[in-house]
Amino acid sequence: MSSEYRELIDTLNNLNNLTNAQTTTVAAMLGFIMALAFAWYVLTVIASWRIIEKAGDKGWKALIPFYNIYILYKIAGVKNWFWPFLGATLVVSIVTSIPDVSAKMAIGIVNPGIVILLLACAVVCIIAQVKYSINMAKAFGKDSGFAVGLFFLQPIFEMILGFGKAKYNKKFLEESKKEE
């Protein structure tokens, strides 16, 4: 067993030696972080709901995981990019959840084939998100600067679209179909 792997195991074992005060502090911090994450999630769902309604669809579709992303891609006129995006995301999730692979990745030992697969998935996701960001900005009459913001800070810029005064251009979807 390599020394890095042994260090990782020792670090994990030391977590079992926390005092009650330390355990309580860690639990409180995790609870606070989870509460913030839940509040953030609720805000993003509400923003997605509003975006979907502005586009003339039923807002409840924002509540269904994966389907909500498909609907947003459809609104942006790039629904065909949803499937490669979803596939790449699932591949990354599956590969990185394999215990042997994730443990080796944690200490820097990775099979080159896995690295290439994960990089290919990242490229697919980036291309899909760039297309989504540009088209979603155009669909709501925003410029390329907004598209950059949507790419890098998607939840915040989707909140701006959802809660702001931006209106969806219903003709945009027809125009984007002609471009495909």
Protein backbone atom coordinates (compact mmCIF):
# COMPACT_ATOMS: atom_id res chain seq x y z
CA MET A 1 0.00 0.00 0.00
CA SER A 2 1.39 3.43 -0.96
CA SER A 3 2.20 6.04 1.67
CA GLU A 4 -0.39 8.50 0.24
CA TYR A 5 -3.12 5.89 0.49
CA ARG A 6 -2.04 5.10 4.08
CA GLU A 7 -2.20 8.85 4.92
CA LEU A 8 -5.74 9.07 3.55
CA ILE A 9 -6.82 6.09 5.68
CA ASP A 10 -5.15 7.57 8.79
CA THR A 11 -6.91 10.90 8.22
CA LEU A 12 -10.26 9.17 7.90
CA ASN A 13 -9.60 7.13 11.05
CA ASN A 14 -8.73 10.30 13.00
CA LEU A 15 -12.26 11.57 12.34
CA ASN A 16 -13.46 8.88 14.77
CA ASN A 17 -11.46 10.51 17.60
CA LEU A 18 -13.45 13.78 17.79
CA THR A 19 -14.69 15.03 21.17
CA ASN A 20 -18.39 15.67 21.81
CA ALA A 21 -17.88 19.44 21.45
CA GLN A 22 -16.10 18.98 18.13
CA THR A 23 -18.79 16.61 16.90
CA THR A 24 -21.50 19.09 17.90
CA THR A 25 -19.68 21.93 16.15
CA VAL A 26 -19.26 19.91 12.96
CA ALA A 27 -22.93 18.86 13.07
CA ALA A 28 -24.06 22.47 13.57
CA MET A 29 -21.90 23.67 10.68
CA LEU A 30 -23.19 20.91 8.41
CA GLY A 31 -26.78 21.71 9.44
CA PHE A 32 -26.26 25.39 8.63
CA ILE A 33 -24.66 24.59 5.27
CA MET A 34 -27.50 22.20 4.43
CA ALA A 35 -30.10 24.83 5.35
CA LEU A 36 -28.38 27.36 3.09
CA ALA A 37 -28.16 24.79 0.28
CA PHE A 38 -31.87 23.99 0.63
CA ALA A 39 -32.81 27.69 0.57
CA TRP A 40 -30.63 28.16 -2.54
CA TYR A 41 -32.30 25.14 -4.18
CA VAL A 42 -35.77 26.53 -3.45
CA LEU A 43 -34.81 29.89 -4.99
CA THR A 44 -33.46 28.23 -8.13
CA VAL A 45 -36.59 26.09 -8.49
CA ILE A 46 -38.79 29.17 -8.17
CA ALA A 47 -36.65 30.99 -10.76
CA SER A 48 -36.90 28.01 -13.14
CA TRP A 49 -40.66 27.91 -12.55
CA ARG A 50 -40.94 31.56 -13.52
CA ILE A 51 -38.72 31.15 -16.59
CA ILE A 52 -40.81 28.20 -17.74
CA GLU A 53 -44.03 30.17 -17.21
CA LYS A 54 -42.62 33.18 -19.08
CA ALA A 55 -41.96 30.82 -21.99
CA GLY A 56 -45.63 29.80 -21.97
CA ASP A 57 -45.28 26.36 -20.39
CA LYS A 58 -46.56 25.02 -17.06
CA GLY A 59 -44.34 26.09 -14.17
CA TRP A 60 -44.76 22.86 -12.18
CA LYS A 61 -42.36 21.24 -14.65
CA ALA A 62 -39.57 22.97 -12.72
CA LEU A 63 -40.22 20.61 -9.80
CA ILE A 64 -39.29 17.39 -11.62
CA PRO A 65 -35.56 16.62 -11.60
CA PHE A 66 -33.95 16.14 -15.03
CA TYR A 67 -37.23 17.03 -16.76
CA ASN A 68 -36.82 20.63 -15.56
CA ILE A 69 -33.42 20.83 -17.28
CA TYR A 70 -34.90 19.32 -20.45
CA ILE A 71 -37.63 21.98 -20.44
CA LEU A 72 -35.07 24.77 -19.95
CA TYR A 73 -32.98 23.39 -22.84
CA LYS A 74 -36.17 23.24 -24.92
CA ILE A 75 -36.97 26.86 -24.08
CA ALA A 76 -33.44 27.80 -25.15
CA GLY A 77 -33.95 25.92 -28.42
CA VAL A 78 -31.18 23.40 -27.76
CA LYS A 79 -33.18 20.41 -26.51
CA ASN A 80 -31.08 18.06 -28.69
CA TRP A 81 -28.08 18.95 -26.52
CA PHE A 82 -29.90 17.83 -23.37
CA TRP A 83 -29.33 14.13 -24.09
CA PRO A 84 -25.55 14.31 -24.57
CA PHE A 85 -25.40 16.58 -21.50
CA LEU A 86 -27.42 14.10 -19.43
CA GLY A 87 -25.43 11.12 -20.71
CA ALA A 88 -22.09 12.76 -19.96
CA THR A 89 -23.28 13.77 -16.50
CA LEU A 90 -24.44 10.23 -15.74
CA VAL A 91 -21.17 8.71 -16.99
CA VAL A 92 -19.17 11.01 -14.73
CA SER A 93 -21.45 10.22 -11.78
CA ILE A 94 -21.19 6.47 -12.30
CA VAL A 95 -17.44 6.39 -12.92
CA THR A 96 -16.58 8.59 -9.96
CA SER A 97 -18.88 6.62 -7.64
CA ILE A 98 -16.98 3.38 -8.19
CA PRO A 99 -15.11 3.02 -4.88
CA ASP A 100 -11.83 1.81 -6.34
CA VAL A 101 -11.76 4.58 -8.96
CA SER A 102 -12.70 7.39 -6.57
CA ALA A 103 -10.18 6.24 -3.93
CA LYS A 104 -7.40 6.18 -6.51
CA MET A 105 -8.48 9.57 -7.86
CA ALA A 106 -8.30 11.01 -4.32
CA ILE A 107 -4.61 10.13 -4.08
CA GLY A 108 -3.75 10.92 -7.69
CA ILE A 109 -3.55 7.43 -9.19
CA VAL A 110 -5.84 7.34 -12.22
CA ASN A 111 -6.11 5.14 -15.29
CA PRO A 112 -5.44 7.27 -18.43
CA GLY A 113 -8.53 5.78 -20.11
CA ILE A 114 -10.72 7.05 -17.28
CA VAL A 115 -9.11 10.49 -17.51
CA ILE A 116 -9.84 10.65 -21.25
CA LEU A 117 -13.44 9.50 -20.68
CA LEU A 118 -14.00 12.11 -17.96
CA LEU A 119 -12.40 14.86 -20.07
CA ALA A 120 -14.60 13.93 -23.05
CA CYS A 121 -17.66 14.13 -20.79
CA ALA A 122 -16.53 17.52 -19.51
CA VAL A 123 -16.12 18.81 -23.08
CA VAL A 124 -19.64 17.61 -24.00
CA CYS A 125 -21.10 19.31 -20.91
CA ILE A 126 -19.23 22.56 -21.60
CA ILE A 127 -20.39 22.67 -25.24
CA ALA A 128 -23.99 21.96 -24.18
CA GLN A 129 -23.88 24.65 -21.50
CA VAL A 130 -22.32 27.24 -23.82
CA LYS A 131 -25.06 26.62 -26.41
CA TYR A 132 -27.71 26.73 -23.67
CA SER A 133 -26.35 29.95 -22.19
CA ILE A 134 -26.09 31.78 -25.51
CA ASN A 135 -29.53 30.70 -26.68
CA MET A 136 -31.26 31.31 -23.34
CA ALA A 137 -29.83 34.83 -23.25
CA LYS A 138 -31.02 35.44 -26.85
CA ALA A 139 -34.45 33.96 -26.07
CA PHE A 140 -34.95 36.60 -23.40
CA GLY A 141 -33.45 39.46 -25.42
CA LYS A 142 -30.18 39.59 -23.50
CA ASP A 143 -26.71 40.17 -24.91
CA SER A 144 -23.58 38.02 -25.00
CA GLY A 145 -22.38 39.45 -21.68
CA PHE A 146 -25.49 38.03 -20.05
CA ALA A 147 -24.78 34.69 -21.76
CA VAL A 148 -21.30 34.67 -20.19
CA GLY A 149 -22.87 35.34 -16.80
CA LEU A 150 -25.42 32.61 -17.41
CA PHE A 151 -22.61 30.17 -18.21
CA PHE A 152 -20.43 30.96 -15.18
CA LEU A 153 -23.11 31.88 -12.62
CA GLN A 154 -26.13 30.03 -13.96
CA PRO A 155 -28.35 29.98 -10.84
CA ILE A 156 -27.90 33.71 -10.23
CA PHE A 157 -28.54 34.68 -13.86
CA GLU A 158 -31.53 32.35 -14.05
CA MET A 159 -32.90 34.16 -11.00
CA ILE A 160 -32.38 37.44 -12.85
CA LEU A 161 -34.35 36.02 -15.81
CA GLY A 162 -37.05 34.51 -13.63
CA PHE A 163 -37.58 37.39 -11.21
CA GLY A 164 -36.66 40.22 -13.58
CA LYS A 165 -38.63 41.97 -16.29
CA ALA A 166 -37.14 40.00 -19.19
CA LYS A 167 -39.75 38.67 -21.59
CA TYR A 168 -39.45 35.46 -23.58
CA ASN A 169 -39.40 35.90 -27.35
CA LYS A 170 -41.83 33.21 -28.54
CA LYS A 171 -40.56 33.58 -32.10
CA PHE A 172 -37.06 32.68 -30.91
CA LEU A 173 -37.88 28.98 -30.69
CA GLU A 174 -39.13 28.93 -34.27
CA GLU A 175 -36.00 30.78 -35.44
CA SER A 176 -33.69 28.40 -33.58
CA LYS A 177 -35.42 25.40 -35.21
CA LYS A 178 -34.68 26.88 -38.63
CA GLU A 179 -30.97 27.20 -37.71
CA GLU A 180 -30.73 23.48 -36.77
